[in-house]
Every structure is written in C-alpha cells, then in structure tokens.
Protein backbone atom coordinates (compact mmCIF):
# COMPACT_ATOMS: atom_id res chain seq x y z
CA MET A 1 -0.20 5.42 17.03
CA SER A 2 -0.01 8.53 14.97
CA ARG A 3 -2.20 9.22 11.97
CA HIS A 4 0.82 9.05 9.69
CA LEU A 5 1.75 5.56 10.84
CA TYR A 6 -1.79 4.33 10.23
CA PHE A 7 -1.77 5.92 6.80
CA SER A 8 1.63 4.39 5.97
CA LEU A 9 0.50 0.96 7.08
CA PHE A 10 -2.69 1.32 5.07
CA ILE A 11 -0.81 2.31 1.93
CA LEU A 12 1.55 -0.62 2.40
CA LEU A 13 -1.39 -2.97 2.81
CA LEU A 14 -2.96 -1.54 -0.34
CA MET A 15 0.27 -2.15 -2.19
CA VAL A 16 0.29 -5.75 -1.05
CA THR A 17 -3.28 -6.40 -2.10
CA GLY A 18 -2.99 -4.20 -5.17
CA ILE A 19 0.12 -5.86 -6.52
CA SER A 20 -1.45 -9.28 -6.35
CA ASN A 21 -4.52 -8.32 -8.39
CA SER A 22 -3.44 -5.14 -10.14
CA PHE A 23 -3.03 -6.19 -13.72
CA SER A 24 -6.62 -5.76 -14.81
CA GLN A 25 -10.12 -5.28 -13.52
CA GLU A 26 -10.74 -9.00 -13.92
CA ALA A 27 -11.43 -11.00 -10.79
CA VAL A 28 -8.37 -13.26 -10.84
CA LYS A 29 -8.70 -16.08 -8.36
CA THR A 30 -6.20 -18.84 -8.96
CA LYS A 31 -2.44 -18.65 -9.07
CA LYS A 32 -2.45 -19.83 -12.68
CA GLU A 33 -4.89 -17.06 -13.65
CA ARG A 34 -2.72 -14.44 -11.92
CA GLU A 35 0.31 -15.75 -13.81
CA GLU A 36 -1.53 -15.53 -17.12
CA VAL A 37 -2.77 -11.99 -16.43
CA ALA A 38 0.71 -10.86 -15.32
CA GLY A 39 2.27 -12.36 -18.42
CA ARG A 40 -0.29 -10.81 -20.74
CA GLU A 41 -0.39 -7.35 -19.15
CA LEU A 42 3.36 -6.96 -18.64
CA GLY A 43 4.58 -9.00 -21.58
CA LEU A 44 6.37 -11.56 -19.42
CA ASP A 45 7.35 -15.05 -20.44
CA LYS A 46 5.95 -18.00 -18.48
CA ASP A 47 8.96 -18.34 -16.17
CA LYS A 48 9.01 -14.66 -15.19
CA SER A 49 5.28 -14.50 -14.61
CA VAL A 50 5.50 -17.56 -12.34
CA ARG A 51 8.37 -16.00 -10.37
CA LEU A 52 6.51 -12.67 -10.12
CA VAL A 53 3.35 -14.23 -8.72
CA GLU A 54 5.34 -16.39 -6.28
CA ARG A 55 7.26 -13.33 -5.09
CA GLN A 56 4.04 -11.38 -4.60
CA GLU A 57 2.49 -14.21 -2.59
CA LYS A 58 5.59 -14.50 -0.42
CA TYR A 59 5.54 -10.74 0.19
CA ARG A 60 1.83 -10.75 1.06
CA VAL A 61 2.35 -13.56 3.58
CA GLN A 62 5.33 -11.78 5.17
CA VAL A 63 3.44 -8.49 5.52
CA ALA A 64 0.40 -10.24 6.99
CA ALA A 65 2.65 -11.97 9.53
CA VAL A 66 4.20 -8.65 10.60
CA LEU A 67 0.80 -6.96 10.86
CA GLN A 68 -0.58 -9.80 12.99
CA ASP A 69 2.43 -9.97 15.32
CA THR A 70 1.12 -8.38 18.51
CA SER A 71 4.51 -8.55 20.24
CA LEU A 72 5.91 -5.77 18.04
CA ARG A 73 5.84 -2.13 18.99
CA PRO A 74 4.55 0.29 16.34
CA GLN A 75 8.07 1.46 15.54
CA GLN A 76 9.31 -2.12 15.16
CA ARG A 77 6.34 -3.02 12.99
CA SER A 78 6.92 0.01 10.80
CA ALA A 79 10.64 -0.78 10.46
CA ARG A 80 9.95 -4.39 9.49
CA LEU A 81 7.32 -3.36 6.95
CA LYS A 82 9.70 -0.84 5.41
CA ALA A 83 12.43 -3.49 5.21
CA LEU A 84 10.02 -5.90 3.52
CA ALA A 85 8.96 -3.19 1.07
CA ARG A 86 12.61 -2.46 0.20
CA GLU A 87 13.25 -6.17 -0.28
CA GLN A 88 10.17 -6.50 -2.51
CA SER A 89 11.18 -3.46 -4.53
CA ALA A 90 14.69 -4.83 -5.06
CA ALA A 91 13.28 -8.20 -6.16
CA LEU A 92 10.93 -6.52 -8.63
CA ASN A 93 13.77 -4.35 -9.97
CA ILE A 94 15.70 -7.52 -10.79
CA LEU A 95 12.71 -9.35 -12.24
CA LEU A 96 11.07 -6.58 -14.30
CA SER A 97 12.34 -4.07 -16.82
CA PRO A 98 11.76 -0.35 -16.17
CA GLN A 99 8.88 -0.32 -18.67
CA GLN A 100 7.25 -3.33 -17.00
CA ARG A 101 7.63 -1.74 -13.56
CA GLU A 102 6.00 1.42 -14.92
CA LYS A 103 3.08 -0.58 -16.34
CA MET A 104 2.67 -2.38 -13.04
CA SER A 105 2.76 0.88 -11.04
CA ALA A 106 0.17 2.43 -13.34
CA ALA A 107 -2.10 -0.60 -12.96
CA ILE A 108 -1.79 -0.52 -9.17
CA SER A 109 -2.44 3.22 -9.04
CA SER A 110 -5.50 3.08 -11.26
CA ARG A 111 -6.97 0.14 -9.39
CA ASN A 112 -6.29 1.42 -5.91
CA GLY A 113 -6.90 5.13 -6.47
CA ALA A 114 -10.62 5.05 -5.77
CA ARG A 115 -10.20 2.65 -2.86
CA THR A 116 -7.51 4.85 -1.31
CA ALA A 117 -9.64 7.98 -1.68
CA ALA A 118 -12.65 6.26 -0.11
CA HIS A 119 -10.59 4.97 2.79
CA ARG A 120 -8.93 8.36 3.34
CA LYS A 121 -12.36 10.02 3.46
CA GLU A 122 -13.61 7.42 5.95
CA MET A 123 -10.54 7.80 8.17
CA GLU A 124 -10.76 11.59 8.11
CA SER A 125 -14.38 11.40 9.23
CA ARG A 126 -13.31 9.29 12.23
CA LEU A 127 -10.43 11.53 13.25
CA PRO A 128 -11.01 14.88 14.88
CA GLY A 129 -10.59 17.41 12.14
CA LYS A 130 -10.04 21.13 12.03
CA LYS A 131 -13.77 21.77 11.83
CA ASP A 132 -14.26 20.03 15.18
CA ARG A 133 -11.52 21.90 16.96
CA ARG A 134 -12.22 25.14 18.70
CA PRO A 135 -9.47 27.59 19.50
CA ALA A 136 -8.38 27.56 23.11
CA VAL A 137 -8.71 31.34 23.24
CA ASP A 138 -11.03 33.60 21.29
CA SER A 139 -8.61 35.66 19.20
CA THR A 140 -10.98 38.63 19.07
CA LYS A 141 -10.77 39.05 22.84
CA VAL A 142 -7.02 38.77 23.18
CA LYS A 143 -5.25 41.99 24.10
CA LEU A 144 -1.76 42.36 22.74
CA LYS A 145 0.98 43.96 24.78
CA ASN A 146 2.78 46.82 23.08
C-alpha cells in the first residue's frame, strides 16, 4: 500500500475515535456520559445528543468492520471508508447546525492534533526518508553533452 493510503486510513481512524470522545478532555466512558458531554459542549437537546452518540457508535462499528475485513483489496477498502465518511458527514449535516459542526470540528482538531503529529513523526521514522536515500549517480561526476 502506498504511504498516502496509510495516512488516509489513519486520519479516518482518528476521526472515528476523535468524534466519539472529542467534546472535552474528560475521560468519557459510558454512552450516557458521552450524551451529556455532547449536549453540554454543542448545546444540543437530549434527543439530538442521543441521536448524535448513536450515529457515532454506528459509524465507528462500520469503519472497524471495513478495516478488519481481510477479503477487501486496498482500493475497495479505501472506497468503502470514503463512502462511510460521506454518509457520516451527511448525517451530521442534517443533525447539527453549522455552528455546532464547527465546534465539533474544532474539538476534534484540538484533541487529535498532538496525536496526529506524534503518529506522523513515528511513521516518517519508519519509512525511508530523503536523508536515507543516496542519489543513483554522483552529480558532480556527470558530464553533460553539449
């Protein structure tokens, strides 16, 4: 798989885990606690916060199922994950107002920013980088034809 596909899958996985616990730095464990935090942070009523948490759980389960399906090729897996992300985005657009979506995005970004940077650094250390590559030909010894 290419580096870009791994990175895309990682970002999608971060979104899944980040959305479920993104509303504050609190360690929210139960469904009821997640509903309360979502309602408080986004200003949602009880019904909307319940629907939001249920939708997030459904999305997380669907993404996990796609990631664990070993019968899929990388392109198929990527296509299914993109389709799930579009479906999740559409559901959130219906459920949340633009201001609430903005608050949620900001919470996810702030929570996952450090984790994303740490993972990116780790992945870059595992992949062969520019510093490890040597040119195939020494450019100082190449004679140009005129």
